[in-house]
Amino acid sequence: MDRRRFVTDRPLIESWLRAALDAADPEVLTDRALTGRTGPVTVVAIGKAAPAMCRGAARALGSIDGLCVTNHEAEVPAGVELMLGDHPIPGENSARAARRALELAPRASLALISGGGSALCELPVAGIEPSFVAEVNRTMLREGASIEEMNLVRSHLSAVKGGGLGPLPTYVLSDVGAAGPSVVSSGPTIPTESRLDEAIVVMRSYAIEPPAHVIDSMSTRSASPVQDQLVQVVGDGRTAAIAAVAAVSADIATARVQDGWLDGPTDAAVEEFVRGAGAGITVAVGETTLHVRGEGTGGRNTHAALLAARLIAGTSTKFAALATDGVDGNSRAAGAIVDGLSLARGGDSDAALAHFDSATYLRRSGDLLDTGPTGTNVADLWLVWAPE
């Protein structure tokens, strides 16, 4: 395979991924969704995309005030208080943000919710220790729990999640696909019925035994759905995937978005996607699970890319994996773009995969993808480009 061709192809792939991110711009999507509403309003915005969603709301409504809880310093409209929570494990900053959100919610008239808020804005139900909640989060993340499992458990431990802030008209930038908007940031403004027994079963499946006093506190949760509540998804992973396909089609060839949602164990999902995509360019969106062992540097997407590099070694196929928020696991990278020569450049990959050190390997091979924080969050985007 000609290495010179990959040098030409990588900028093309990067441009398609950039088109996907541009299409998932929370400021533009929120502005579009709120056009026609009247302001000013008081908002509660929670999640990685909260600052951009606030800016979009201000563009549409002219004036807003309220609270924005996120994980990074960012510009927010005048009158909006910016608070930074802890991520991916909730801490004292998350608790301070949650207390402020609970204080503000009774006079708020609009909620702007995006992924990441489950950790960023968290206060346990009375009687549950913050250290217990942090350990539950840490264990389930390490063991590769699904987003649905994570948010089911979180909502029963939290004074905020599962409608703890009360029902508000809610606009959601979704990172969960078919799971529905009530799962995004564990639905702080979307009341849901208690599923205590299921939550306990999930916890025990990850060797977490909730003490009796924790179960008692979890059982006090009494939120229930509000039938006429406005909940609107302003954009999601398919918004990004469709834009990537449009960019591919404008440049070189027809492409397609894979049906369904990437999920399940990362290794199985990679093999199914790469082997099943067929010739041409296929884009998929979703969030797989990774059962981490070892102290290496990486995330779902760098791990997926290194697994894909093994599958396509020696061929003309290319594979890209992107965390749309720009931060994949503990890697500080967004993902990677690999080709049939990645293993030739990086050497033996067994140790990197065994110790979950994929980002270190891919930086050495020159395949790591660095975007910095993108300001959006619509799950993970994968692309495979196989020869016709």
Protein backbone atom coordinates (compact mmCIF):
# COMPACT_ATOMS: atom_id res chain seq x y z
CA MET A 1 0.00 0.00 0.00
CA ASP A 2 1.24 3.48 -0.90
CA ARG A 3 2.01 5.56 2.20
CA ARG A 4 1.77 8.73 0.09
CA ARG A 5 -1.92 8.00 -0.51
CA PHE A 6 -2.60 7.96 3.23
CA VAL A 7 -0.89 11.34 3.64
CA THR A 8 -3.39 12.64 1.07
CA ASP A 9 -6.38 10.83 2.55
CA ARG A 10 -5.94 11.81 6.21
CA PRO A 11 -6.72 15.53 5.66
CA LEU A 12 -9.84 14.48 3.76
CA ILE A 13 -11.01 12.30 6.66
CA GLU A 14 -10.25 15.09 9.12
CA SER A 15 -12.33 17.50 7.03
CA TRP A 16 -15.29 15.10 7.08
CA LEU A 17 -15.06 14.76 10.84
CA ARG A 18 -14.87 18.54 11.15
CA ALA A 19 -18.04 18.84 9.06
CA ALA A 20 -19.71 16.46 11.49
CA LEU A 21 -18.66 18.57 14.47
CA ASP A 22 -19.79 21.77 12.76
CA ALA A 23 -23.23 20.25 12.19
CA ALA A 24 -23.45 19.41 15.89
CA ASP A 25 -22.65 22.97 16.99
CA PRO A 26 -24.84 23.42 20.09
CA GLU A 27 -25.06 27.20 19.67
CA VAL A 28 -26.49 26.93 16.16
CA LEU A 29 -28.80 24.02 17.01
CA THR A 30 -30.18 25.72 20.14
CA ASP A 31 -30.69 29.03 18.35
CA ARG A 32 -32.61 27.20 15.62
CA ALA A 33 -34.76 25.27 18.09
CA LEU A 34 -35.69 28.34 20.16
CA THR A 35 -36.38 30.73 17.30
CA GLY A 36 -39.90 32.02 17.69
CA ARG A 37 -39.98 31.79 21.47
CA THR A 38 -40.02 35.02 23.45
CA GLY A 39 -37.56 36.13 26.11
CA PRO A 40 -36.11 37.01 28.48
CA VAL A 41 -36.00 33.70 30.36
CA THR A 42 -34.17 32.12 33.28
CA VAL A 43 -32.32 28.98 32.23
CA VAL A 44 -30.66 26.03 33.91
CA ALA A 45 -28.03 24.65 31.52
CA ILE A 46 -26.11 21.50 32.42
CA GLY A 47 -23.54 19.50 30.44
CA LYS A 48 -20.42 19.74 28.33
CA ALA A 49 -22.26 21.76 25.67
CA ALA A 50 -24.04 24.03 28.19
CA PRO A 51 -22.08 27.25 27.44
CA ALA A 52 -22.72 27.00 23.69
CA MET A 53 -26.38 26.14 24.30
CA CYS A 54 -26.68 29.24 26.48
CA ARG A 55 -25.16 31.38 23.74
CA GLY A 56 -27.63 29.92 21.25
CA ALA A 57 -30.53 30.63 23.59
CA ALA A 58 -29.39 34.23 23.97
CA ARG A 59 -29.20 34.59 20.18
CA ALA A 60 -32.76 33.33 19.79
CA LEU A 61 -34.35 35.05 22.79
CA GLY A 62 -32.34 38.25 23.03
CA SER A 63 -31.73 38.02 26.77
CA ILE A 64 -31.36 35.22 29.31
CA ASP A 65 -30.13 34.77 32.86
CA GLY A 66 -29.59 31.73 35.06
CA LEU A 67 -26.97 29.03 35.62
CA CYS A 68 -24.58 27.17 33.33
CA VAL A 69 -22.83 24.07 34.73
CA THR A 70 -20.08 22.56 32.60
CA ASN A 71 -16.52 21.20 32.69
CA HIS A 72 -14.53 24.04 31.11
CA GLU A 73 -14.12 27.79 31.15
CA ALA A 74 -16.18 29.28 28.35
CA GLU A 75 -18.01 32.41 27.29
CA VAL A 76 -21.60 32.63 28.53
CA PRO A 77 -24.15 35.42 28.08
CA ALA A 78 -24.24 38.30 30.54
CA GLY A 79 -26.48 37.38 33.46
CA VAL A 80 -25.65 33.67 33.32
CA GLU A 81 -23.57 32.27 36.18
CA LEU A 82 -20.88 29.79 35.08
CA MET A 83 -19.98 26.95 37.45
CA LEU A 84 -17.52 24.13 36.78
CA GLY A 85 -18.30 20.65 38.06
CA ASP A 86 -16.10 17.57 38.33
CA HIS A 87 -15.89 14.97 35.55
CA PRO A 88 -15.98 11.98 35.11
CA ILE A 89 -16.28 11.38 38.88
CA PRO A 90 -18.54 13.81 40.80
CA GLY A 91 -16.82 15.78 43.56
CA GLU A 92 -17.32 18.84 45.73
CA ASN A 93 -17.47 21.16 42.71
CA SER A 94 -20.32 19.02 41.37
CA ALA A 95 -22.10 19.25 44.72
CA ARG A 96 -21.79 23.04 44.81
CA ALA A 97 -23.20 23.26 41.29
CA ALA A 98 -26.08 20.94 42.20
CA ARG A 99 -26.99 22.95 45.29
CA ARG A 100 -27.07 26.10 43.16
CA ALA A 101 -29.20 24.37 40.50
CA LEU A 102 -31.68 23.17 43.12
CA GLU A 103 -31.88 26.71 44.50
CA LEU A 104 -32.47 28.27 41.08
CA ALA A 105 -34.78 25.66 39.52
CA PRO A 106 -38.09 26.84 41.09
CA ARG A 107 -37.85 30.15 39.20
CA ALA A 108 -36.32 28.78 35.99
CA SER A 109 -38.41 28.66 32.81
CA LEU A 110 -36.15 26.66 30.49
CA ALA A 111 -33.58 23.85 30.72
CA LEU A 112 -30.71 23.22 28.30
CA ILE A 113 -29.26 19.74 28.80
CA SER A 114 -26.31 17.94 27.19
CA GLY A 115 -24.12 14.95 27.98
CA GLY A 116 -21.68 14.92 30.87
CA GLY A 117 -23.99 16.49 33.40
CA SER A 118 -24.45 13.30 35.40
CA ALA A 119 -21.06 13.89 37.01
CA LEU A 120 -20.87 17.68 36.65
CA CYS A 121 -24.00 18.45 38.69
CA GLU A 122 -24.54 15.95 41.49
CA LEU A 123 -25.82 15.95 45.04
CA PRO A 124 -26.77 12.64 46.68
CA VAL A 125 -30.20 12.01 48.13
CA ALA A 126 -30.24 12.82 51.84
CA GLY A 127 -28.68 9.96 53.78
CA ILE A 128 -26.27 8.83 51.03
CA GLU A 129 -22.61 9.74 51.39
CA PRO A 130 -20.91 11.54 48.46
CA SER A 131 -18.01 9.09 48.76
CA PHE A 132 -20.39 6.19 48.06
CA VAL A 133 -21.76 7.90 44.95
CA ALA A 134 -18.21 8.62 43.72
CA GLU A 135 -17.17 5.01 44.24
CA VAL A 136 -20.26 3.71 42.40
CA ASN A 137 -19.43 5.98 39.46
CA ARG A 138 -15.78 4.96 39.50
CA THR A 139 -16.55 1.24 39.61
CA MET A 140 -19.18 1.28 36.89
CA LEU A 141 -17.02 3.38 34.57
CA ARG A 142 -14.05 1.05 35.11
CA GLU A 143 -16.16 -2.05 34.52
CA GLY A 144 -17.63 -0.74 31.27
CA ALA A 145 -21.24 -0.22 32.32
CA SER A 146 -23.57 1.02 29.59
CA ILE A 147 -24.87 4.57 29.64
CA GLU A 148 -28.38 3.24 30.37
CA GLU A 149 -27.10 1.28 33.37
CA MET A 150 -25.04 4.22 34.61
CA ASN A 151 -27.91 6.65 34.45
CA LEU A 152 -30.46 4.26 35.97
CA VAL A 153 -28.28 3.88 39.05
CA ARG A 154 -27.25 7.54 39.19
CA SER A 155 -30.85 8.75 39.08
CA HIS A 156 -31.73 6.71 42.17
CA LEU A 157 -28.77 7.98 44.17
CA SER A 158 -29.25 11.64 43.27
CA ALA A 159 -31.31 14.56 44.48
CA VAL A 160 -30.88 16.15 41.02
CA LYS A 161 -31.31 13.41 38.45
CA GLY A 162 -34.52 11.83 37.17
CA GLY A 163 -36.43 15.11 37.47
CA GLY A 164 -34.91 16.32 40.73
CA LEU A 165 -34.90 19.89 39.42
CA GLY A 166 -38.59 19.60 38.60
CA PRO A 167 -40.26 19.45 35.19
CA LEU A 168 -39.14 22.30 32.90
CA PRO A 169 -39.43 22.85 29.16
CA THR A 170 -36.22 21.07 28.15
CA TYR A 171 -34.03 21.25 25.06
CA VAL A 172 -31.54 18.41 24.76
CA LEU A 173 -28.35 17.87 22.78
CA SER A 174 -28.32 14.09 22.91
CA ASP A 175 -25.37 11.74 23.25
CA VAL A 176 -27.43 8.60 23.88
CA GLY A 177 -29.25 7.76 20.65
CA ALA A 178 -32.30 5.55 21.01
CA ALA A 179 -32.09 5.56 24.82
CA GLY A 180 -34.05 8.82 24.76
CA PRO A 181 -33.62 12.37 26.13
CA SER A 182 -34.45 11.42 29.71
CA VAL A 183 -31.12 9.54 29.85
CA VAL A 184 -29.00 12.56 28.84
CA SER A 185 -27.25 13.74 32.01
CA SER A 186 -29.68 11.40 33.77
CA GLY A 187 -32.61 13.72 33.04
CA PRO A 188 -32.34 16.38 35.76
CA THR A 189 -35.49 18.16 34.52
CA ILE A 190 -37.40 15.14 33.16
CA PRO A 191 -39.19 13.22 35.94
CA THR A 192 -39.17 9.44 35.56
CA GLU A 193 -40.75 6.65 37.56
CA SER A 194 -38.72 4.87 40.21
CA ARG A 195 -37.11 1.60 39.11
CA LEU A 196 -35.43 0.90 42.42
CA ASP A 197 -35.34 -2.88 42.11
CA GLU A 198 -33.71 -2.67 38.67
CA ALA A 199 -31.15 -0.15 39.91
CA ILE A 200 -30.14 -2.45 42.77
CA VAL A 201 -29.82 -5.42 40.40
CA VAL A 202 -27.50 -3.37 38.16
CA MET A 203 -25.36 -2.27 41.10
CA ARG A 204 -25.00 -5.86 42.32
CA SER A 205 -24.06 -7.02 38.82
CA TYR A 206 -20.96 -4.83 39.21
CA ALA A 207 -20.23 -6.16 42.72
CA ILE A 208 -21.61 -3.03 44.40
CA GLU A 209 -23.66 -3.94 47.46
CA PRO A 210 -25.68 -0.91 48.61
CA PRO A 211 -25.96 -0.73 52.41
CA ALA A 212 -29.44 -0.83 53.93
CA HIS A 213 -29.45 2.91 54.70
CA VAL A 214 -28.58 3.66 51.06
CA ILE A 215 -31.49 1.51 49.82
CA ASP A 216 -33.77 3.29 52.27
CA SER A 217 -32.67 6.68 50.91
CA MET A 218 -33.00 5.51 47.30
CA SER A 219 -36.57 4.40 48.00
CA THR A 220 -37.62 7.98 48.86
CA ARG A 221 -37.40 8.93 45.18
CA SER A 222 -40.96 9.67 44.07
CA ALA A 223 -40.76 11.51 40.73
CA SER A 224 -43.16 10.46 37.97
CA PRO A 225 -43.46 11.45 34.29
CA VAL A 226 -45.27 14.64 33.30
CA GLN A 227 -47.40 13.87 30.26
CA ASP A 228 -47.50 17.35 28.72
CA GLN A 229 -43.89 18.38 29.41
CA LEU A 230 -42.04 19.90 26.43
CA VAL A 231 -38.88 17.91 25.72
CA GLN A 232 -37.15 18.56 22.38
CA VAL A 233 -33.93 17.02 21.04
CA VAL A 234 -32.10 19.78 19.14
CA GLY A 235 -29.45 17.45 17.70
CA ASP A 236 -27.71 14.13 18.25
CA GLY A 237 -25.09 11.79 16.84
CA ARG A 238 -27.03 11.16 13.67
CA THR A 239 -27.02 14.90 13.01
CA ALA A 240 -23.22 14.69 12.95
CA ALA A 241 -23.10 11.43 10.99
CA ILE A 242 -25.40 12.73 8.27
CA ALA A 243 -23.22 15.82 7.89
CA ALA A 244 -20.08 13.68 7.59
CA VAL A 245 -21.73 11.61 4.84
CA ALA A 246 -22.77 14.79 3.01
CA ALA A 247 -19.18 16.05 3.16
CA VAL A 248 -17.84 12.75 1.81
CA SER A 249 -20.37 12.77 -1.01
CA ALA A 250 -19.43 16.33 -1.95
CA ASP A 251 -15.72 15.41 -2.10
CA ILE A 252 -15.27 11.99 -3.63
CA ALA A 253 -18.01 9.38 -3.43
CA THR A 254 -21.35 8.32 -2.08
CA ALA A 255 -21.26 7.31 1.58
CA ARG A 256 -23.82 5.99 4.02
CA VAL A 257 -24.77 6.17 7.68
CA GLN A 258 -24.96 2.74 9.26
CA ASP A 259 -28.35 1.81 10.67
CA GLY A 260 -28.68 1.49 14.42
CA TRP A 261 -26.42 2.60 17.24
CA LEU A 262 -22.89 1.52 18.11
CA ASP A 263 -23.10 -0.23 21.47
CA GLY A 264 -21.92 -3.26 23.40
CA PRO A 265 -18.28 -4.20 24.05
CA THR A 266 -15.82 -2.14 22.02
CA ASP A 267 -13.88 -5.10 20.60
CA ALA A 268 -16.99 -6.82 19.24
CA ALA A 269 -18.39 -3.55 17.88
CA VAL A 270 -15.16 -2.76 16.01
CA GLU A 271 -14.99 -6.16 14.37
CA GLU A 272 -18.64 -6.09 13.36
CA PHE A 273 -18.37 -2.55 11.97
CA VAL A 274 -15.12 -3.00 10.03
CA ARG A 275 -15.97 -6.43 8.61
CA GLY A 276 -19.59 -5.62 7.90
CA ALA A 277 -19.27 -2.17 6.35
CA GLY A 278 -18.45 -3.34 2.82
CA ALA A 279 -16.74 -1.29 0.12
CA GLY A 280 -16.85 2.50 0.19
CA ILE A 281 -17.28 4.83 3.15
CA THR A 282 -19.56 4.06 6.08
CA VAL A 283 -20.17 6.25 9.14
CA ALA A 284 -21.60 5.02 12.43
CA VAL A 285 -22.48 6.72 15.69
CA GLY A 286 -22.96 5.50 19.24
CA GLU A 287 -21.12 4.62 22.41
CA THR A 288 -19.53 1.26 23.13
CA THR A 289 -18.42 -0.08 26.51
CA LEU A 290 -14.83 -0.74 27.51
CA HIS A 291 -13.89 -2.88 30.50
CA VAL A 292 -10.61 -1.17 31.45
CA ARG A 293 -7.72 -3.06 32.99
CA GLY A 294 -4.30 -1.52 33.49
CA GLU A 295 -3.05 2.00 34.00
CA GLY A 296 -2.47 3.04 30.39
CA THR A 297 -3.58 6.13 28.51
CA GLY A 298 -6.54 5.98 26.16
CA GLY A 299 -10.29 5.72 25.79
CA ARG A 300 -13.01 3.92 23.86
CA ASN A 301 -12.05 5.52 20.57
CA THR A 302 -8.28 5.10 20.68
CA HIS A 303 -8.79 1.51 21.81
CA ALA A 304 -11.24 0.95 18.94
CA ALA A 305 -8.80 2.50 16.46
CA LEU A 306 -5.94 0.26 17.56
CA LEU A 307 -8.17 -2.81 17.33
CA ALA A 308 -9.21 -1.68 13.84
CA ALA A 309 -5.56 -1.19 12.84
CA ARG A 310 -5.00 -4.88 13.50
CA LEU A 311 -8.00 -5.83 11.37
CA ILE A 312 -6.98 -3.69 8.38
CA ALA A 313 -3.20 -4.24 8.55
CA GLY A 314 -1.69 -4.51 5.08
CA THR A 315 -4.83 -3.31 3.27
CA SER A 316 -5.90 0.02 1.78
CA THR A 317 -8.69 0.47 4.33
CA LYS A 318 -8.76 3.44 6.69
CA PHE A 319 -10.61 3.73 10.00
CA ALA A 320 -11.37 6.76 12.17
CA ALA A 321 -12.84 6.98 15.66
CA LEU A 322 -13.77 10.33 17.21
CA ALA A 323 -15.13 11.33 20.61
CA THR A 324 -17.24 14.29 19.54
CA ASP A 325 -16.50 16.20 22.74
CA GLY A 326 -12.81 16.07 21.82
CA VAL A 327 -11.74 14.16 24.93
CA ASP A 328 -11.49 10.38 24.71
CA GLY A 329 -11.09 8.74 28.11
CA ASN A 330 -7.94 9.88 29.89
CA SER A 331 -6.02 10.43 26.65
CA ARG A 332 -6.55 14.17 26.12
CA ALA A 333 -6.96 13.23 22.45
CA ALA A 334 -10.22 12.95 20.53
CA GLY A 335 -9.48 9.57 18.94
CA ALA A 336 -7.40 8.38 15.99
CA ILE A 337 -7.27 7.77 12.25
CA VAL A 338 -5.49 4.53 11.32
CA ASP A 339 -4.61 2.78 8.09
CA GLY A 340 -3.08 -0.47 6.86
CA LEU A 341 0.42 0.66 7.82
CA SER A 342 -0.31 1.82 11.37
CA LEU A 343 1.09 -1.38 12.90
CA ALA A 344 4.17 -1.16 10.71
CA ARG A 345 4.80 2.32 12.09
CA GLY A 346 3.94 1.55 15.71
CA GLY A 347 5.27 -1.98 16.15
CA ASP A 348 3.73 -4.75 18.22
CA SER A 349 0.35 -3.68 19.66
CA ASP A 350 -0.27 -6.52 22.11
CA ALA A 351 1.06 -4.74 25.19
CA ALA A 352 -0.76 -1.50 24.39
CA LEU A 353 -4.08 -3.30 24.10
CA ALA A 354 -3.51 -5.47 27.16
CA HIS A 355 -2.65 -2.47 29.34
CA PHE A 356 -5.22 -0.13 27.75
CA ASP A 357 -2.43 2.15 26.57
CA SER A 358 -3.76 2.71 23.06
CA ALA A 359 -3.25 6.49 22.98
CA THR A 360 0.45 6.14 23.78
CA TYR A 361 0.84 3.65 20.94
CA LEU A 362 -1.11 5.74 18.44
CA ARG A 363 0.84 8.88 19.26
CA ARG A 364 4.02 6.94 18.51
CA SER A 365 2.59 5.66 15.21
CA GLY A 366 1.47 9.16 14.21
CA ASP A 367 -2.23 8.28 14.10
CA LEU A 368 -3.65 10.11 17.12
CA LEU A 369 -6.32 12.73 16.45
CA ASP A 370 -6.15 15.90 18.56
CA THR A 371 -8.98 18.43 18.35
CA GLY A 372 -9.04 19.89 21.84
CA PRO A 373 -12.44 20.28 23.56
CA THR A 374 -15.03 20.82 20.85
CA GLY A 375 -17.85 22.37 22.87
CA THR A 376 -20.30 19.71 21.70
CA ASN A 377 -21.10 16.17 22.81
CA VAL A 378 -23.12 13.80 20.60
CA ALA A 379 -21.44 10.44 21.40
CA ASP A 380 -18.73 8.78 19.26
CA LEU A 381 -18.36 8.83 15.50
CA TRP A 382 -16.65 5.99 13.61
CA LEU A 383 -15.78 5.92 9.90
CA VAL A 384 -14.43 3.11 7.76
CA TRP A 385 -13.14 3.69 4.23
CA ALA A 386 -12.67 0.42 2.36
CA PRO A 387 -11.47 0.13 -1.26
CA GLU A 388 -14.15 -0.28 -3.90
